[in-house]
Amino acid sequence: MTGAWMCVWSESDNELIEFIPVQYKLTLGDLAAIYEDQGKKQNFHASHFMLEANKTVDELVAIAEKYQLTYRFRKHFGGPLYEIWLEDGLLVEFWSAEISKL
């Protein structure tokens, strides 16, 4: 998208941060999170980040279900990972050795 950029400090470890223009909103797409152009500056800014999980997949799913959060396993498009939406526009992606074998 026009105006977005990435800062990569370890390409081999996939350590990076993305900077997205303020008119975009992060939303749940069919296969992965997508950015939708809202046509004007937003009063919030969508965020997502990836964490290495110290919990099993079953534990991650149980937590998401307990709090009625949207979640899914994502094999491709940045995966394999588990994504859990804390709220609209706030996504946490989880990775672990277990998840990478799914």
C-alpha atoms as a PDB file:
ATOM      1  CA  MET A   1       0.000   0.000   0.000  1.00  0.00           C
ATOM      2  CA  THR A   2       1.181   3.519  -0.644  1.00  0.00           C
ATOM      3  CA  GLY A   3       2.935   5.092   2.327  1.00  0.00           C
ATOM      4  CA  ALA A   4       3.624   1.848   4.243  1.00  0.00           C
ATOM      5  CA  TRP A   5       7.130   0.730   5.093  1.00  0.00           C
ATOM      6  CA  MET A   6       8.997  -1.875   7.106  1.00  0.00           C
ATOM      7  CA  CYS A   7      12.017  -1.704   9.364  1.00  0.00           C
ATOM      8  CA  VAL A   8      13.882  -5.032   9.341  1.00  0.00           C
ATOM      9  CA  TRP A   9      16.681  -5.580  11.842  1.00  0.00           C
ATOM     10  CA  SER A  10      17.092  -9.354  11.435  1.00  0.00           C
ATOM     11  CA  GLU A  11      15.847 -10.798   8.192  1.00  0.00           C
ATOM     12  CA  SER A  12      17.041 -14.315   9.098  1.00  0.00           C
ATOM     13  CA  ASP A  13      15.038 -14.224  12.367  1.00  0.00           C
ATOM     14  CA  ASN A  14      12.089 -12.389  10.743  1.00  0.00           C
ATOM     15  CA  GLU A  15      12.433  -9.514  13.229  1.00  0.00           C
ATOM     16  CA  LEU A  16      10.722  -6.466  11.826  1.00  0.00           C
ATOM     17  CA  ILE A  17       8.140  -3.796  12.405  1.00  0.00           C
ATOM     18  CA  GLU A  18       5.600  -2.552   9.878  1.00  0.00           C
ATOM     19  CA  PHE A  19       4.437   1.041   9.646  1.00  0.00           C
ATOM     20  CA  ILE A  20       0.994   1.456   8.116  1.00  0.00           C
ATOM     21  CA  PRO A  21      -0.638   4.756   7.051  1.00  0.00           C
ATOM     22  CA  VAL A  22      -3.316   6.043   9.444  1.00  0.00           C
ATOM     23  CA  GLN A  23      -6.204   5.682   6.992  1.00  0.00           C
ATOM     24  CA  TYR A  24      -5.974   1.868   7.098  1.00  0.00           C
ATOM     25  CA  LYS A  25      -7.782  -0.452   9.485  1.00  0.00           C
ATOM     26  CA  LEU A  26      -6.564  -3.965  10.335  1.00  0.00           C
ATOM     27  CA  THR A  27      -9.400  -6.479   9.960  1.00  0.00           C
ATOM     28  CA  LEU A  28      -9.978 -10.218   9.840  1.00  0.00           C
ATOM     29  CA  GLY A  29      -9.657 -11.360   6.232  1.00  0.00           C
ATOM     30  CA  ASP A  30     -10.618 -14.699   4.724  1.00  0.00           C
ATOM     31  CA  LEU A  31      -7.094 -16.148   4.885  1.00  0.00           C
ATOM     32  CA  ALA A  32      -5.123 -13.631   6.940  1.00  0.00           C
ATOM     33  CA  ALA A  33      -5.394 -10.188   8.471  1.00  0.00           C
ATOM     34  CA  ILE A  34      -5.890  -7.481   5.881  1.00  0.00           C
ATOM     35  CA  TYR A  35      -5.661  -3.708   5.856  1.00  0.00           C
ATOM     36  CA  GLU A  36      -8.738  -1.873   4.605  1.00  0.00           C
ATOM     37  CA  ASP A  37      -8.463   1.698   3.385  1.00  0.00           C
ATOM     38  CA  GLN A  38     -11.014   3.754   5.333  1.00  0.00           C
ATOM     39  CA  GLY A  39     -10.582   6.770   3.062  1.00  0.00           C
ATOM     40  CA  LYS A  40      -9.662   9.121   5.894  1.00  0.00           C
ATOM     41  CA  LYS A  41      -7.418   9.335   8.935  1.00  0.00           C
ATOM     42  CA  GLN A  42      -8.539   7.069  11.773  1.00  0.00           C
ATOM     43  CA  ASN A  43      -8.732   8.029  15.464  1.00  0.00           C
ATOM     44  CA  PHE A  44      -7.050   4.729  16.321  1.00  0.00           C
ATOM     45  CA  HIS A  45      -4.272   2.739  14.777  1.00  0.00           C
ATOM     46  CA  ALA A  46      -4.408  -0.983  14.145  1.00  0.00           C
ATOM     47  CA  SER A  47      -1.684  -3.100  15.681  1.00  0.00           C
ATOM     48  CA  HIS A  48      -0.415  -6.616  15.525  1.00  0.00           C
ATOM     49  CA  PHE A  49       2.602  -8.356  16.909  1.00  0.00           C
ATOM     50  CA  MET A  50       3.980 -11.864  17.151  1.00  0.00           C
ATOM     51  CA  LEU A  51       4.956 -13.613  20.367  1.00  0.00           C
ATOM     52  CA  GLU A  52       6.685 -16.896  20.947  1.00  0.00           C
ATOM     53  CA  ALA A  53       4.124 -18.947  22.883  1.00  0.00           C
ATOM     54  CA  ASN A  54       5.040 -20.852  26.013  1.00  0.00           C
ATOM     55  CA  LYS A  55       1.603 -22.494  26.037  1.00  0.00           C
ATOM     56  CA  THR A  56       0.336 -25.423  24.000  1.00  0.00           C
ATOM     57  CA  VAL A  57      -2.085 -24.938  21.135  1.00  0.00           C
ATOM     58  CA  ASP A  58      -4.854 -26.426  23.288  1.00  0.00           C
ATOM     59  CA  GLU A  59      -4.096 -23.874  26.022  1.00  0.00           C
ATOM     60  CA  LEU A  60      -4.127 -20.973  23.530  1.00  0.00           C
ATOM     61  CA  VAL A  61      -7.464 -22.138  22.115  1.00  0.00           C
ATOM     62  CA  ALA A  62      -8.932 -22.559  25.614  1.00  0.00           C
ATOM     63  CA  ILE A  63      -7.924 -18.998  26.561  1.00  0.00           C
ATOM     64  CA  ALA A  64      -9.401 -17.561  23.360  1.00  0.00           C
ATOM     65  CA  GLU A  65     -12.639 -19.480  23.860  1.00  0.00           C
ATOM     66  CA  LYS A  66     -12.871 -18.513  27.537  1.00  0.00           C
ATOM     67  CA  TYR A  67     -12.818 -14.818  26.596  1.00  0.00           C
ATOM     68  CA  GLN A  68     -14.864 -15.315  23.388  1.00  0.00           C
ATOM     69  CA  LEU A  69     -12.027 -14.055  21.190  1.00  0.00           C
ATOM     70  CA  THR A  70     -11.772 -14.721  17.478  1.00  0.00           C
ATOM     71  CA  TYR A  71      -8.885 -17.084  16.737  1.00  0.00           C
ATOM     72  CA  ARG A  72      -7.597 -19.361  14.005  1.00  0.00           C
ATOM     73  CA  PHE A  73      -4.626 -21.360  12.854  1.00  0.00           C
ATOM     74  CA  ARG A  74      -2.919 -19.749   9.869  1.00  0.00           C
ATOM     75  CA  LYS A  75      -0.763 -22.165   7.864  1.00  0.00           C
ATOM     76  CA  HIS A  76       0.289 -19.661   5.179  1.00  0.00           C
ATOM     77  CA  PHE A  77       0.481 -15.885   4.750  1.00  0.00           C
ATOM     78  CA  GLY A  78       3.078 -15.399   7.484  1.00  0.00           C
ATOM     79  CA  GLY A  79       2.388 -18.718   9.213  1.00  0.00           C
ATOM     80  CA  PRO A  80       2.351 -21.235  10.525  1.00  0.00           C
ATOM     81  CA  LEU A  81       0.977 -19.366  13.534  1.00  0.00           C
ATOM     82  CA  TYR A  82      -2.096 -18.955  15.681  1.00  0.00           C
ATOM     83  CA  GLU A  83      -3.774 -15.578  15.533  1.00  0.00           C
ATOM     84  CA  ILE A  84      -5.966 -14.305  18.331  1.00  0.00           C
ATOM     85  CA  TRP A  85      -7.881 -11.038  17.978  1.00  0.00           C
ATOM     86  CA  LEU A  86      -8.060  -9.186  21.294  1.00  0.00           C
ATOM     87  CA  GLU A  87     -10.417  -6.657  19.731  1.00  0.00           C
ATOM     88  CA  ASP A  88     -11.181  -5.212  16.331  1.00  0.00           C
ATOM     89  CA  GLY A  89      -7.865  -3.943  15.005  1.00  0.00           C
ATOM     90  CA  LEU A  90      -5.693  -5.585  17.677  1.00  0.00           C
ATOM     91  CA  LEU A  91      -4.187  -8.915  16.672  1.00  0.00           C
ATOM     92  CA  VAL A  92      -1.674 -11.110  18.498  1.00  0.00           C
ATOM     93  CA  GLU A  93       0.085 -13.779  16.461  1.00  0.00           C
ATOM     94  CA  PHE A  94       1.543 -16.729  18.376  1.00  0.00           C
ATOM     95  CA  TRP A  95       4.396 -18.940  17.211  1.00  0.00           C
ATOM     96  CA  SER A  96       5.982 -21.954  18.891  1.00  0.00           C
ATOM     97  CA  ALA A  97       7.853 -25.119  17.938  1.00  0.00           C
ATOM     98  CA  GLU A  98       4.541 -26.994  18.292  1.00  0.00           C
ATOM     99  CA  ILE A  99       2.712 -24.559  15.998  1.00  0.00           C
ATOM    100  CA  SER A 100       5.478 -24.671  13.378  1.00  0.00           C
ATOM    101  CA  LYS A 101       4.924 -28.452  13.029  1.00  0.00           C
ATOM    102  CA  LEU A 102       1.172 -28.172  12.325  1.00  0.00           C
END
